[in-house]
C-alpha cells in the first residue's frame, strides 16, 4: 500500500493571531478560513459531540505543501506545555534562501528562537544552516537553508 501526503495540521489557540503569523511573517498563502459545525461526520472522526471548528488552510509558494490550523470552538480547547521531547510533538520545516536574513527579519518582528542560525556539519561535510523558532502558541518551526 502506498500513501500520498495531503496536509499537516496543528491545533492553535487563536486563528486571529496565527493567520497573520503564517501568512504575513512566513509568507504562506491563506487559501481558506472557515467555520465548520453541525457536521456529524466531524463529530465521528474527531470523537466529540457538537464539534465546532474554525479551520485555516495554507499553501506554500509551490502549492506542494498544505498546512491546516484548527481552532476548536467546541469542545473548548486546552492549552498545555509544549516541548520537543514530548512524545507526539512535531514541527514543520520551511526551506529559505538566506537564513541569516530571515532570522534578522523575524527577530525584529518579535519572533522567539532557540538560537540564531547554526551551521550543521555531519561527517566533516557542511549540510545546511538551520534553527528552531516558535509560532504564537509555542509550536516549533524549523527554518532550513540547504547547502549550495
N, C-alpha and C. Protein backbone atom coordinates (compact mmCIF):
# COMPACT_ATOMS: atom_id res chain seq x y z
N UNK A 1 0.85 -1.18 0.00
CA UNK A 1 0.00 0.00 0.00
C UNK A 1 0.89 1.24 0.00
N UNK A 2 0.47 2.24 -0.72
CA UNK A 2 1.24 3.49 -0.72
C UNK A 2 0.32 4.64 -0.33
N UNK A 3 0.90 5.64 0.29
CA UNK A 3 0.17 6.82 0.72
C UNK A 3 0.79 8.05 0.10
N UNK A 4 0.00 9.07 -0.08
CA UNK A 4 0.47 10.35 -0.57
C UNK A 4 0.13 11.40 0.49
N UNK A 5 1.06 12.27 0.82
CA UNK A 5 0.82 13.30 1.82
C UNK A 5 -0.24 14.28 1.32
N UNK A 6 -1.16 14.65 2.20
CA UNK A 6 -2.19 15.63 1.87
C UNK A 6 -1.95 16.94 2.60
N UNK A 7 -1.80 16.89 3.93
CA UNK A 7 -1.54 18.10 4.69
C UNK A 7 -0.98 17.75 6.06
N UNK A 8 -0.47 18.75 6.73
CA UNK A 8 -0.08 18.66 8.13
C UNK A 8 -0.96 19.62 8.89
N UNK A 9 -1.46 19.18 10.04
CA UNK A 9 -2.36 20.02 10.80
C UNK A 9 -1.94 20.18 12.24
N UNK A 10 -2.24 21.35 12.81
CA UNK A 10 -1.97 21.65 14.21
C UNK A 10 -3.17 22.37 14.80
N UNK A 11 -3.42 22.14 16.07
CA UNK A 11 -4.44 22.88 16.80
C UNK A 11 -3.80 24.13 17.38
N UNK A 12 -4.46 25.27 17.20
CA UNK A 12 -3.95 26.55 17.71
C UNK A 12 -4.98 27.15 18.66
N UNK A 13 -4.54 28.12 19.46
CA UNK A 13 -5.44 28.74 20.43
C UNK A 13 -6.30 29.82 19.81
N UNK A 14 -5.77 30.54 18.81
CA UNK A 14 -6.48 31.70 18.28
C UNK A 14 -6.02 31.97 16.84
N UNK A 15 -6.89 31.66 15.89
CA UNK A 15 -6.52 31.87 14.48
C UNK A 15 -6.34 33.34 14.15
N UNK A 16 -6.94 34.23 14.93
CA UNK A 16 -6.73 35.66 14.67
C UNK A 16 -5.28 36.07 14.91
N UNK A 17 -4.54 35.34 15.73
CA UNK A 17 -3.11 35.63 15.87
C UNK A 17 -2.26 34.71 14.99
N UNK A 18 -2.73 33.50 14.73
CA UNK A 18 -1.95 32.56 13.93
C UNK A 18 -1.95 32.90 12.45
N UNK A 19 -3.10 33.33 11.91
CA UNK A 19 -3.16 33.63 10.48
C UNK A 19 -2.15 34.71 10.09
N UNK A 20 -2.08 35.86 10.77
CA UNK A 20 -1.08 36.86 10.38
C UNK A 20 0.36 36.34 10.50
N UNK A 21 0.62 35.49 11.49
CA UNK A 21 1.96 34.94 11.66
C UNK A 21 2.35 34.10 10.44
N UNK A 22 1.51 33.13 10.10
CA UNK A 22 1.84 32.22 8.99
C UNK A 22 1.72 32.88 7.63
N UNK A 23 0.76 33.78 7.47
CA UNK A 23 0.56 34.45 6.17
C UNK A 23 1.53 35.60 5.99
N UNK A 24 1.57 36.53 6.93
CA UNK A 24 2.34 37.77 6.75
C UNK A 24 3.82 37.61 7.07
N UNK A 25 4.14 36.88 8.14
CA UNK A 25 5.56 36.72 8.51
C UNK A 25 6.23 35.59 7.75
N UNK A 26 5.53 34.46 7.57
CA UNK A 26 6.16 33.32 6.91
C UNK A 26 5.84 33.22 5.42
N UNK A 27 4.88 34.01 4.95
CA UNK A 27 4.61 34.07 3.52
C UNK A 27 3.79 32.93 2.96
N UNK A 28 3.13 32.15 3.83
CA UNK A 28 2.26 31.11 3.31
C UNK A 28 0.97 31.75 2.80
N UNK A 29 0.39 31.16 1.77
CA UNK A 29 -0.82 31.71 1.15
C UNK A 29 -2.05 31.12 1.84
N UNK A 30 -2.88 31.99 2.43
CA UNK A 30 -4.12 31.57 3.06
C UNK A 30 -5.12 31.22 1.96
N UNK A 31 -5.55 29.96 1.90
CA UNK A 31 -6.48 29.55 0.86
C UNK A 31 -7.89 29.30 1.40
N UNK A 32 -8.02 29.20 2.72
CA UNK A 32 -9.34 29.01 3.30
C UNK A 32 -9.33 29.40 4.77
N UNK A 33 -10.39 30.06 5.21
CA UNK A 33 -10.63 30.38 6.61
C UNK A 33 -12.12 30.18 6.81
N UNK A 34 -12.50 29.07 7.45
CA UNK A 34 -13.92 28.71 7.52
C UNK A 34 -14.27 28.14 8.88
N UNK A 35 -15.52 28.36 9.29
CA UNK A 35 -16.07 27.72 10.48
C UNK A 35 -16.84 26.49 10.02
N UNK A 36 -16.61 25.38 10.69
CA UNK A 36 -17.29 24.13 10.37
C UNK A 36 -18.02 23.64 11.60
N UNK A 37 -19.34 23.43 11.46
CA UNK A 37 -20.15 22.96 12.57
C UNK A 37 -21.36 22.20 12.04
N UNK A 38 -22.07 21.53 12.95
CA UNK A 38 -23.25 20.74 12.58
C UNK A 38 -22.92 19.70 11.51
N UNK A 39 -21.78 19.08 11.66
CA UNK A 39 -21.34 18.05 10.71
C UNK A 39 -21.13 16.74 11.48
N UNK A 40 -22.11 15.85 11.46
CA UNK A 40 -21.97 14.60 12.20
C UNK A 40 -20.70 13.82 11.84
N UNK A 41 -20.26 13.95 10.59
CA UNK A 41 -19.03 13.24 10.20
C UNK A 41 -17.84 13.76 10.99
N UNK A 42 -17.76 15.06 11.25
CA UNK A 42 -16.67 15.61 12.05
C UNK A 42 -16.76 15.10 13.48
N UNK A 43 -17.98 15.05 14.03
CA UNK A 43 -18.15 14.50 15.38
C UNK A 43 -17.59 13.09 15.46
N UNK A 44 -17.90 12.27 14.47
CA UNK A 44 -17.43 10.88 14.48
C UNK A 44 -15.92 10.81 14.30
N UNK A 45 -15.39 11.54 13.33
CA UNK A 45 -13.95 11.50 13.07
C UNK A 45 -13.16 11.97 14.29
N UNK A 46 -13.58 13.08 14.90
CA UNK A 46 -12.83 13.69 16.00
C UNK A 46 -13.16 13.09 17.36
N UNK A 47 -14.29 12.40 17.46
CA UNK A 47 -14.63 11.75 18.72
C UNK A 47 -15.25 12.66 19.75
N UNK A 48 -15.89 13.74 19.32
CA UNK A 48 -16.57 14.68 20.21
C UNK A 48 -17.98 14.93 19.69
N UNK A 49 -18.86 15.43 20.56
CA UNK A 49 -20.20 15.81 20.16
C UNK A 49 -20.26 17.30 19.85
N UNK A 50 -21.07 17.66 18.86
CA UNK A 50 -21.32 19.06 18.53
C UNK A 50 -20.04 19.85 18.24
N UNK A 51 -19.17 19.25 17.45
CA UNK A 51 -17.89 19.89 17.12
C UNK A 51 -18.14 21.18 16.34
N UNK A 52 -17.43 22.21 16.74
CA UNK A 52 -17.42 23.48 16.01
C UNK A 52 -15.97 23.91 15.91
N UNK A 53 -15.49 24.05 14.69
CA UNK A 53 -14.09 24.37 14.43
C UNK A 53 -13.99 25.59 13.53
N UNK A 54 -12.92 26.31 13.70
CA UNK A 54 -12.50 27.29 12.71
C UNK A 54 -11.22 26.73 12.11
N UNK A 55 -11.20 26.63 10.79
CA UNK A 55 -10.09 25.98 10.10
C UNK A 55 -9.48 26.95 9.09
N UNK A 56 -8.15 27.07 9.15
CA UNK A 56 -7.41 27.87 8.16
C UNK A 56 -6.47 26.93 7.41
N UNK A 57 -6.50 27.01 6.08
CA UNK A 57 -5.61 26.21 5.23
C UNK A 57 -4.66 27.14 4.50
N UNK A 58 -3.41 26.71 4.40
CA UNK A 58 -2.35 27.48 3.75
C UNK A 58 -1.62 26.61 2.74
N UNK A 59 -1.12 27.23 1.68
CA UNK A 59 -0.19 26.60 0.73
C UNK A 59 1.14 27.34 0.79
N UNK A 60 2.21 26.63 0.44
CA UNK A 60 3.47 27.31 0.19
C UNK A 60 3.45 27.85 -1.23
N UNK A 61 4.52 28.50 -1.66
CA UNK A 61 4.52 29.13 -2.99
C UNK A 61 4.42 28.13 -4.13
N UNK A 62 4.83 26.89 -3.90
CA UNK A 62 4.75 25.87 -4.95
C UNK A 62 3.43 25.10 -4.92
N UNK A 63 2.64 25.34 -3.90
CA UNK A 63 1.39 24.62 -3.67
C UNK A 63 1.61 23.12 -3.50
N UNK A 64 2.82 22.73 -3.11
CA UNK A 64 3.11 21.33 -2.87
C UNK A 64 2.97 20.96 -1.40
N UNK A 65 2.78 21.95 -0.55
CA UNK A 65 2.67 21.75 0.88
C UNK A 65 1.41 22.45 1.37
N UNK A 66 0.60 21.75 2.17
CA UNK A 66 -0.58 22.38 2.74
C UNK A 66 -0.52 22.24 4.26
N UNK A 67 -0.76 23.36 4.94
CA UNK A 67 -0.80 23.41 6.39
C UNK A 67 -2.22 23.73 6.82
N UNK A 68 -2.73 22.95 7.77
CA UNK A 68 -4.06 23.18 8.33
C UNK A 68 -3.89 23.60 9.78
N UNK A 69 -4.47 24.74 10.14
CA UNK A 69 -4.51 25.18 11.52
C UNK A 69 -5.96 25.15 11.97
N UNK A 70 -6.20 24.53 13.12
CA UNK A 70 -7.56 24.32 13.62
C UNK A 70 -7.69 25.00 14.98
N UNK A 71 -8.73 25.81 15.11
CA UNK A 71 -9.08 26.40 16.39
C UNK A 71 -10.39 25.75 16.83
N UNK A 72 -10.35 25.03 17.95
CA UNK A 72 -11.58 24.43 18.47
C UNK A 72 -12.42 25.50 19.14
N UNK A 73 -13.66 25.61 18.71
CA UNK A 73 -14.63 26.49 19.35
C UNK A 73 -15.54 25.67 20.26
N UNK A 74 -15.78 24.40 19.90
CA UNK A 74 -16.46 23.43 20.75
C UNK A 74 -15.99 22.05 20.32
N UNK A 75 -15.50 21.22 21.24
CA UNK A 75 -15.30 21.48 22.65
C UNK A 75 -14.20 22.52 22.88
N UNK A 76 -14.18 23.02 24.10
CA UNK A 76 -13.21 24.07 24.45
C UNK A 76 -11.79 23.53 24.31
N UNK A 77 -10.93 24.33 23.72
CA UNK A 77 -9.52 23.94 23.54
C UNK A 77 -8.80 24.01 24.88
N UNK A 78 -7.72 23.23 24.97
CA UNK A 78 -6.90 23.20 26.18
C UNK A 78 -5.48 23.57 25.81
N UNK A 79 -4.89 24.44 26.58
CA UNK A 79 -3.50 24.84 26.34
C UNK A 79 -2.62 24.04 27.29
N UNK A 80 -1.54 23.50 26.75
CA UNK A 80 -0.61 22.72 27.56
C UNK A 80 0.81 23.11 27.20
N UNK A 81 1.72 22.73 28.04
CA UNK A 81 3.14 22.98 27.78
C UNK A 81 3.58 22.20 26.55
N UNK A 82 4.42 22.81 25.74
CA UNK A 82 4.95 22.16 24.55
C UNK A 82 6.46 21.99 24.71
N UNK A 83 6.94 20.81 24.43
CA UNK A 83 8.38 20.54 24.42
C UNK A 83 8.67 19.57 23.29
N UNK A 84 9.80 19.73 22.64
CA UNK A 84 10.18 18.82 21.57
C UNK A 84 10.39 17.40 22.07
N UNK A 85 10.68 17.22 23.36
CA UNK A 85 10.93 15.89 23.90
C UNK A 85 9.65 15.12 24.20
N UNK A 86 8.49 15.78 24.17
CA UNK A 86 7.23 15.09 24.43
C UNK A 86 6.89 14.18 23.25
N UNK A 87 6.54 12.94 23.56
CA UNK A 87 6.11 12.02 22.52
C UNK A 87 4.89 12.62 21.82
N UNK A 88 4.89 12.61 20.52
CA UNK A 88 3.80 13.17 19.74
C UNK A 88 4.00 14.61 19.34
N UNK A 89 5.03 15.25 19.87
CA UNK A 89 5.28 16.63 19.45
C UNK A 89 5.78 16.61 18.01
N UNK A 90 5.63 17.72 17.33
CA UNK A 90 6.05 17.78 15.95
C UNK A 90 6.52 19.18 15.58
N UNK A 91 6.97 19.31 14.37
CA UNK A 91 7.34 20.62 13.85
C UNK A 91 7.22 20.58 12.34
N UNK A 92 7.16 21.76 11.74
CA UNK A 92 7.26 21.85 10.30
C UNK A 92 8.61 22.47 9.98
N UNK A 93 9.13 22.17 8.82
CA UNK A 93 10.41 22.71 8.38
C UNK A 93 10.18 23.44 7.07
N UNK A 94 10.61 24.70 7.04
CA UNK A 94 10.43 25.54 5.86
C UNK A 94 11.80 25.87 5.28
N UNK A 95 11.96 25.66 3.99
CA UNK A 95 13.21 25.98 3.30
C UNK A 95 13.24 27.47 3.00
N UNK A 96 14.36 28.10 3.30
CA UNK A 96 14.56 29.51 3.00
C UNK A 96 15.84 29.68 2.20
N UNK A 97 15.91 30.76 1.43
CA UNK A 97 17.09 31.00 0.59
C UNK A 97 18.25 31.54 1.42
N UNK A 98 17.97 32.47 2.32
CA UNK A 98 19.02 33.10 3.12
C UNK A 98 18.58 33.16 4.57
N UNK A 99 19.01 32.19 5.35
CA UNK A 99 18.54 32.05 6.72
C UNK A 99 18.94 33.24 7.59
N UNK A 100 20.14 33.74 7.43
CA UNK A 100 20.58 34.87 8.26
C UNK A 100 19.65 36.08 8.09
N UNK A 101 19.25 36.37 6.86
CA UNK A 101 18.35 37.50 6.61
C UNK A 101 16.96 37.24 7.20
N UNK A 102 16.46 36.03 7.03
CA UNK A 102 15.14 35.69 7.60
C UNK A 102 15.17 35.77 9.12
N UNK A 103 16.25 35.30 9.71
CA UNK A 103 16.39 35.37 11.17
C UNK A 103 16.31 36.82 11.64
N UNK A 104 17.05 37.71 11.01
CA UNK A 104 17.04 39.12 11.42
C UNK A 104 15.67 39.75 11.22
N UNK A 105 15.02 39.45 10.11
CA UNK A 105 13.69 40.00 9.83
C UNK A 105 12.68 39.52 10.86
N UNK A 106 12.68 38.23 11.13
CA UNK A 106 11.72 37.66 12.07
C UNK A 106 12.02 38.06 13.52
N UNK A 107 13.30 38.15 13.85
CA UNK A 107 13.68 38.61 15.19
C UNK A 107 13.18 40.04 15.42
N UNK A 108 13.32 40.90 14.41
CA UNK A 108 12.85 42.28 14.51
C UNK A 108 11.33 42.34 14.67
N UNK A 109 10.62 41.32 14.18
CA UNK A 109 9.17 41.25 14.31
C UNK A 109 8.73 40.64 15.63
N UNK A 110 9.69 40.23 16.47
CA UNK A 110 9.37 39.71 17.79
C UNK A 110 9.23 38.21 17.89
N UNK A 111 9.62 37.47 16.85
CA UNK A 111 9.55 36.02 16.88
C UNK A 111 10.60 35.48 17.85
N UNK A 112 10.23 34.43 18.60
CA UNK A 112 11.16 33.78 19.54
C UNK A 112 11.90 32.63 18.85
N UNK A 113 13.16 32.44 19.23
CA UNK A 113 14.03 31.42 18.66
C UNK A 113 14.72 30.63 19.75
N UNK A 114 15.12 29.40 19.44
CA UNK A 114 16.01 28.64 20.32
C UNK A 114 17.43 29.17 20.21
N UNK A 115 17.81 29.59 19.02
CA UNK A 115 19.18 30.03 18.77
C UNK A 115 19.21 30.83 17.48
N UNK A 116 20.31 31.55 17.25
CA UNK A 116 20.50 32.12 15.91
C UNK A 116 20.78 30.97 14.93
N UNK A 117 20.92 31.26 13.63
CA UNK A 117 21.22 30.21 12.66
C UNK A 117 22.49 29.43 13.05
N UNK A 118 22.40 28.12 12.87
CA UNK A 118 23.50 27.21 13.22
C UNK A 118 23.90 26.44 11.97
N UNK A 119 25.20 26.39 11.69
CA UNK A 119 25.69 25.56 10.59
C UNK A 119 25.72 24.11 11.05
N UNK A 120 25.14 23.23 10.25
CA UNK A 120 25.09 21.81 10.57
C UNK A 120 26.13 21.08 9.72
N UNK A 121 27.01 20.35 10.41
CA UNK A 121 28.05 19.55 9.76
C UNK A 121 27.88 18.10 10.19
N UNK A 122 27.97 17.19 9.24
CA UNK A 122 27.95 15.75 9.54
C UNK A 122 29.07 15.10 8.75
N UNK A 123 29.81 14.27 9.45
CA UNK A 123 30.93 13.56 8.83
C UNK A 123 31.88 14.52 8.12
N UNK A 124 32.10 15.69 8.73
CA UNK A 124 33.02 16.68 8.19
C UNK A 124 32.48 17.46 7.00
N UNK A 125 31.24 17.28 6.66
CA UNK A 125 30.66 17.94 5.49
C UNK A 125 29.57 18.92 5.93
N UNK A 126 29.57 20.12 5.33
CA UNK A 126 28.53 21.11 5.60
C UNK A 126 27.24 20.65 4.95
N UNK A 127 26.18 20.54 5.74
CA UNK A 127 24.90 20.03 5.27
C UNK A 127 23.90 21.16 5.03
N UNK A 128 23.79 22.06 6.01
CA UNK A 128 22.79 23.10 5.94
C UNK A 128 23.03 24.11 7.05
N UNK A 129 22.20 25.14 7.04
CA UNK A 129 22.10 26.08 8.15
C UNK A 129 20.66 25.96 8.62
N UNK A 130 20.45 25.93 9.94
CA UNK A 130 19.12 25.68 10.46
C UNK A 130 18.91 26.38 11.80
N UNK A 131 17.63 26.51 12.17
CA UNK A 131 17.27 27.00 13.50
C UNK A 131 15.85 26.58 13.81
N UNK A 132 15.52 26.62 15.10
CA UNK A 132 14.16 26.40 15.56
C UNK A 132 13.61 27.73 16.07
N UNK A 133 12.37 28.02 15.67
CA UNK A 133 11.66 29.20 16.15
C UNK A 133 10.28 28.75 16.60
N UNK A 134 9.50 29.68 17.15
CA UNK A 134 8.21 29.33 17.72
C UNK A 134 7.11 30.21 17.18
N UNK A 135 5.96 29.58 16.91
CA UNK A 135 4.79 30.34 16.47
C UNK A 135 4.11 30.96 17.70
N UNK A 136 3.00 31.67 17.53
CA UNK A 136 2.37 32.33 18.68
C UNK A 136 1.95 31.39 19.81
N UNK A 137 1.71 30.11 19.52
CA UNK A 137 1.35 29.14 20.56
C UNK A 137 2.55 28.38 21.09
N UNK A 138 3.73 28.67 20.60
CA UNK A 138 4.93 27.97 21.05
C UNK A 138 5.24 26.71 20.28
N UNK A 139 4.55 26.47 19.16
CA UNK A 139 4.86 25.30 18.34
C UNK A 139 6.15 25.57 17.57
N UNK A 140 6.93 24.52 17.40
CA UNK A 140 8.24 24.64 16.77
C UNK A 140 8.14 24.68 15.25
N UNK A 141 8.88 25.62 14.69
CA UNK A 141 9.04 25.71 13.24
C UNK A 141 10.54 25.75 12.97
N UNK A 142 10.99 24.87 12.10
CA UNK A 142 12.40 24.86 11.69
C UNK A 142 12.52 25.67 10.41
N UNK A 143 13.51 26.55 10.38
CA UNK A 143 13.89 27.20 9.12
C UNK A 143 15.19 26.55 8.68
N UNK A 144 15.26 26.24 7.40
CA UNK A 144 16.31 25.38 6.86
C UNK A 144 16.85 25.99 5.57
N UNK A 145 18.15 26.25 5.56
CA UNK A 145 18.83 26.72 4.35
C UNK A 145 19.78 25.62 3.90
N UNK A 146 19.44 24.91 2.81
CA UNK A 146 20.31 23.80 2.37
C UNK A 146 21.65 24.31 1.87
N UNK A 147 22.64 23.41 1.89
CA UNK A 147 23.93 23.78 1.34
C UNK A 147 23.78 24.03 -0.15
N UNK A 148 24.62 24.89 -0.67
CA UNK A 148 24.52 25.27 -2.10
C UNK A 148 25.47 24.47 -2.93
